[in-house]
Structure formats: structure tokens, C-alpha cells
C-alpha atoms as a PDB file:
ATOM      1  CA  MET A   1      24.829  11.896  16.233  1.00  0.00           C
ATOM      2  CA  ARG A   2      25.362  10.132  12.932  1.00  0.00           C
ATOM      3  CA  HIS A   3      23.611   6.987  14.210  1.00  0.00           C
ATOM      4  CA  ARG A   4      20.346   8.837  14.887  1.00  0.00           C
ATOM      5  CA  LYS A   5      20.091  10.027  11.285  1.00  0.00           C
ATOM      6  CA  SER A   6      20.467   6.514   9.914  1.00  0.00           C
ATOM      7  CA  ILE A   7      17.443   5.189  11.831  1.00  0.00           C
ATOM      8  CA  PRO A   8      14.813   7.054   9.751  1.00  0.00           C
ATOM      9  CA  ASN A   9      16.712   6.126   6.580  1.00  0.00           C
ATOM     10  CA  ARG A  10      16.635   2.487   7.657  1.00  0.00           C
ATOM     11  CA  SER A  11      12.915   2.774   8.312  1.00  0.00           C
ATOM     12  CA  TYR A  12      12.377   4.163   4.796  1.00  0.00           C
ATOM     13  CA  ARG A  13      14.534   1.430   3.270  1.00  0.00           C
ATOM     14  CA  ILE A  14      12.604  -1.282   5.093  1.00  0.00           C
ATOM     15  CA  ALA A  15       9.243   0.272   4.134  1.00  0.00           C
ATOM     16  CA  ASP A  16      10.421   0.447   0.517  1.00  0.00           C
ATOM     17  CA  GLN A  17      11.542  -3.193   0.586  1.00  0.00           C
ATOM     18  CA  ILE A  18       8.252  -4.273   2.176  1.00  0.00           C
ATOM     19  CA  GLN A  19       6.384  -2.385  -0.562  1.00  0.00           C
ATOM     20  CA  ARG A  20       8.265  -4.243  -3.312  1.00  0.00           C
ATOM     21  CA  ASP A  21       8.016  -7.657  -1.628  1.00  0.00           C
ATOM     22  CA  VAL A  22       4.317  -7.317  -0.736  1.00  0.00           C
ATOM     23  CA  SER A  23       3.583  -6.402  -4.366  1.00  0.00           C
ATOM     24  CA  GLU A  24       5.228  -9.634  -5.515  1.00  0.00           C
ATOM     25  CA  LEU A  25       3.610 -11.769  -2.796  1.00  0.00           C
ATOM     26  CA  ILE A  26       0.115 -10.454  -3.593  1.00  0.00           C
ATOM     27  CA  ARG A  27       0.476 -11.724  -7.171  1.00  0.00           C
ATOM     28  CA  GLU A  28       0.770 -15.263  -5.745  1.00  0.00           C
ATOM     29  CA  LEU A  29      -2.628 -15.040  -3.992  1.00  0.00           C
ATOM     30  CA  LYS A  30      -5.492 -16.898  -5.624  1.00  0.00           C
ATOM     31  CA  ASP A  31      -8.351 -15.059  -3.864  1.00  0.00           C
ATOM     32  CA  PRO A  32     -10.841 -13.802  -6.495  1.00  0.00           C
ATOM     33  CA  ARG A  33     -11.704 -10.800  -4.273  1.00  0.00           C
ATOM     34  CA  ILE A  34      -8.211  -9.431  -4.819  1.00  0.00           C
ATOM     35  CA  GLY A  35      -8.253  -7.504  -8.072  1.00  0.00           C
ATOM     36  CA  MET A  36      -5.516  -5.554  -9.797  1.00  0.00           C
ATOM     37  CA  VAL A  37      -3.787  -4.131  -6.716  1.00  0.00           C
ATOM     38  CA  THR A  38      -1.072  -1.485  -6.627  1.00  0.00           C
ATOM     39  CA  ILE A  39       0.826  -0.913  -3.386  1.00  0.00           C
ATOM     40  CA  ASN A  40       1.105   2.887  -3.103  1.00  0.00           C
ATOM     41  CA  ALA A  41       2.944   3.273   0.210  1.00  0.00           C
ATOM     42  CA  VAL A  42       4.011   1.496   3.384  1.00  0.00           C
ATOM     43  CA  GLU A  43       4.302   3.186   6.783  1.00  0.00           C
ATOM     44  CA  VAL A  44       6.252   1.252   9.399  1.00  0.00           C
ATOM     45  CA  THR A  45       6.034   2.047  13.122  1.00  0.00           C
ATOM     46  CA  PRO A  46       9.362   3.003  14.754  1.00  0.00           C
ATOM     47  CA  ASP A  47       9.549  -0.361  16.553  1.00  0.00           C
ATOM     48  CA  TYR A  48       8.808  -2.257  13.288  1.00  0.00           C
ATOM     49  CA  ALA A  49       5.887  -4.035  14.985  1.00  0.00           C
ATOM     50  CA  HIS A  50       3.240  -2.809  12.534  1.00  0.00           C
ATOM     51  CA  ALA A  51       3.075  -1.634   8.944  1.00  0.00           C
ATOM     52  CA  LYS A  52       0.179   0.095   7.214  1.00  0.00           C
ATOM     53  CA  VAL A  53       0.117  -0.949   3.593  1.00  0.00           C
ATOM     54  CA  TYR A  54      -1.792   1.514   1.403  1.00  0.00           C
ATOM     55  CA  PHE A  55      -3.128   0.092  -1.834  1.00  0.00           C
ATOM     56  CA  SER A  56      -5.220   1.211  -4.771  1.00  0.00           C
ATOM     57  CA  LEU A  57      -7.336  -0.963  -6.996  1.00  0.00           C
ATOM     58  CA  LEU A  58      -7.760  -0.808 -10.756  1.00  0.00           C
ATOM     59  CA  VAL A  59     -10.507  -3.433 -10.920  1.00  0.00           C
ATOM     60  CA  GLY A  60     -12.658  -4.846  -8.118  1.00  0.00           C
ATOM     61  CA  ASP A  61     -14.472  -3.898  -4.925  1.00  0.00           C
ATOM     62  CA  PRO A  62     -12.247  -1.929  -2.492  1.00  0.00           C
ATOM     63  CA  GLN A  63     -13.931  -3.225   0.696  1.00  0.00           C
ATOM     64  CA  GLU A  64     -13.860  -6.867  -0.424  1.00  0.00           C
ATOM     65  CA  CYS A  65     -10.258  -6.534  -1.535  1.00  0.00           C
ATOM     66  CA  GLU A  66      -9.217  -4.877   1.741  1.00  0.00           C
ATOM     67  CA  LEU A  67     -10.919  -7.674   3.693  1.00  0.00           C
ATOM     68  CA  ALA A  68      -9.232 -10.362   1.576  1.00  0.00           C
ATOM     69  CA  LEU A  69      -5.797  -8.737   1.885  1.00  0.00           C
ATOM     70  CA  ASN A  70      -6.133  -8.442   5.662  1.00  0.00           C
ATOM     71  CA  GLU A  71      -7.199 -12.101   5.815  1.00  0.00           C
ATOM     72  CA  ALA A  72      -4.073 -12.995   3.803  1.00  0.00           C
ATOM     73  CA  ALA A  73      -1.820 -10.693   5.863  1.00  0.00           C
ATOM     74  CA  GLY A  74      -0.405 -13.602   7.885  1.00  0.00           C
ATOM     75  CA  TYR A  75       0.520 -15.514   4.730  1.00  0.00           C
ATOM     76  CA  ILE A  76       2.109 -12.389   3.205  1.00  0.00           C
ATOM     77  CA  ARG A  77       3.979 -11.691   6.456  1.00  0.00           C
ATOM     78  CA  ASN A  78       5.382 -15.237   6.411  1.00  0.00           C
ATOM     79  CA  GLY A  79       6.605 -14.545   2.872  1.00  0.00           C
ATOM     80  CA  LEU A  80       8.318 -11.386   4.156  1.00  0.00           C
ATOM     81  CA  PHE A  81      10.097 -13.394   6.888  1.00  0.00           C
ATOM     82  CA  LYS A  82      11.872 -15.330   4.148  1.00  0.00           C
ATOM     83  CA  ARG A  83      12.820 -12.181   2.204  1.00  0.00           C
ATOM     84  CA  LEU A  84      13.654  -9.502   4.798  1.00  0.00           C
ATOM     85  CA  GLN A  85      16.874  -9.534   6.765  1.00  0.00           C
ATOM     86  CA  ILE A  86      15.429  -8.000   9.947  1.00  0.00           C
ATOM     87  CA  HIS A  87      14.603  -9.453  13.368  1.00  0.00           C
ATOM     88  CA  THR A  88      11.047  -8.139  13.549  1.00  0.00           C
ATOM     89  CA  VAL A  89       8.805  -8.434  10.514  1.00  0.00           C
ATOM     90  CA  PRO A  90       5.847  -6.116  11.094  1.00  0.00           C
ATOM     91  CA  THR A  91       2.220  -7.165  11.320  1.00  0.00           C
ATOM     92  CA  LEU A  92       0.590  -5.946   8.108  1.00  0.00           C
ATOM     93  CA  HIS A  93      -2.545  -3.804   8.016  1.00  0.00           C
ATOM     94  CA  PHE A  94      -3.946  -3.184   4.524  1.00  0.00           C
ATOM     95  CA  VAL A  95      -5.768   0.104   3.940  1.00  0.00           C
ATOM     96  CA  PHE A  96      -7.502   1.144   0.725  1.00  0.00           C
ATOM     97  CA  ASP A  97      -5.899   4.386  -0.488  1.00  0.00           C
ATOM     98  CA  ARG A  98      -8.489   6.760  -1.918  1.00  0.00           C
ATOM     99  CA  THR A  99      -5.883   9.271  -3.147  1.00  0.00           C
ATOM    100  CA  THR A 100      -6.068   8.220  -6.800  1.00  0.00           C
ATOM    101  CA  GLU A 101      -9.864   8.111  -6.607  1.00  0.00           C
ATOM    102  CA  ARG A 102      -9.957  11.644  -5.176  1.00  0.00           C
ATOM    103  CA  ALA A 103      -7.476  12.860  -7.790  1.00  0.00           C
ATOM    104  CA  ALA A 104      -9.675  11.483 -10.592  1.00  0.00           C
ATOM    105  CA  ASP A 105     -12.773  13.153  -9.065  1.00  0.00           C
ATOM    106  CA  LEU A 106     -10.927  16.451  -8.705  1.00  0.00           C
ATOM    107  CA  ASN A 107      -9.638  16.203 -12.266  1.00  0.00           C
ATOM    108  CA  ALA A 108     -13.194  15.598 -13.534  1.00  0.00           C
ATOM    109  CA  LEU A 109     -14.410  18.681 -11.640  1.00  0.00           C
ATOM    110  CA  ILE A 110     -11.608  20.813 -13.092  1.00  0.00           C
ATOM    111  CA  ASN A 111     -12.388  19.577 -16.611  1.00  0.00           C
ATOM    112  CA  LEU A 112     -16.089  20.319 -16.070  1.00  0.00           C
ATOM    113  CA  ALA A 113     -15.334  23.815 -14.822  1.00  0.00           C
ATOM    114  CA  ASN A 114     -13.016  24.482 -17.764  1.00  0.00           C
ATOM    115  CA  SER A 115     -15.530  23.211 -20.336  1.00  0.00           C
ATOM    116  CA  THR A 116     -18.284  25.321 -18.728  1.00  0.00           C
ATOM    117  CA  ARG A 117     -16.014  28.388 -18.802  1.00  0.00           C
ATOM    118  CA  ALA A 118     -15.113  27.751 -22.455  1.00  0.00           C
ATOM    119  CA  LYS A 119     -18.814  27.811 -23.444  1.00  0.00           C
ATOM    120  CA  GLU A 120     -19.402  31.239 -21.869  1.00  0.00           C
END
């Protein structure tokens, strides 16, 4: 029974390592479409064949950046081969994470509501 519990932990450890390594590898890319990227999360499939890499962007166009990152996914994956000590390095799929954008919008709405309430 102990072995089954370690599998999800291993999956989390690998996702965490991929997140750190991908962050470093992205800094090496020279594509001007890739702005100031932050890797927010990595979800790895149970068979380690695929990984969704969620990113946010401080500066730049999200669609262009997502396209550029997915075009560079093979290069980044090759960089992971050299760093990760696992048999299967997942195929990377970059997805723009709108969570921080939504949080900022929600925060602006809350501030607006509070300032409107304060005036009454």
C-alpha cells in the first residue's frame, strides 16, 4: 500500500522540477514574442507523456507568447532531457493562465464597489 501513495508524490515532485527547469530554459530563448513569463503550474499526466505548463505574462501579447512557447516546446523538452532523471520526459503544452488577470479584474471590481459604497 505504501508504494501507491508515493506515485502521486513523485508526480508532484516531477511537476515541480519541470516548473523550475522550464522557467530557467525559457530565459535562454531569444524569441521577441516571449515576454516576461512566469510559470504558475505544471500538470503532468499519470503516464508522464504530456505536461500542461500554465504561464502568466507581465509584458507582451498572451496569444503570441503562447504560440512562441509551443513552437519552442521541443527545444525546451530537449533541455529537460538533460536535467531530469526520468525515462519519459513529457511533451510540453503551454497554456496562458488567466488566473492573475481574473484576480486583478475582480480586485478592481471590489475596489470600485467599496469606493461607491464609501461615497453614499
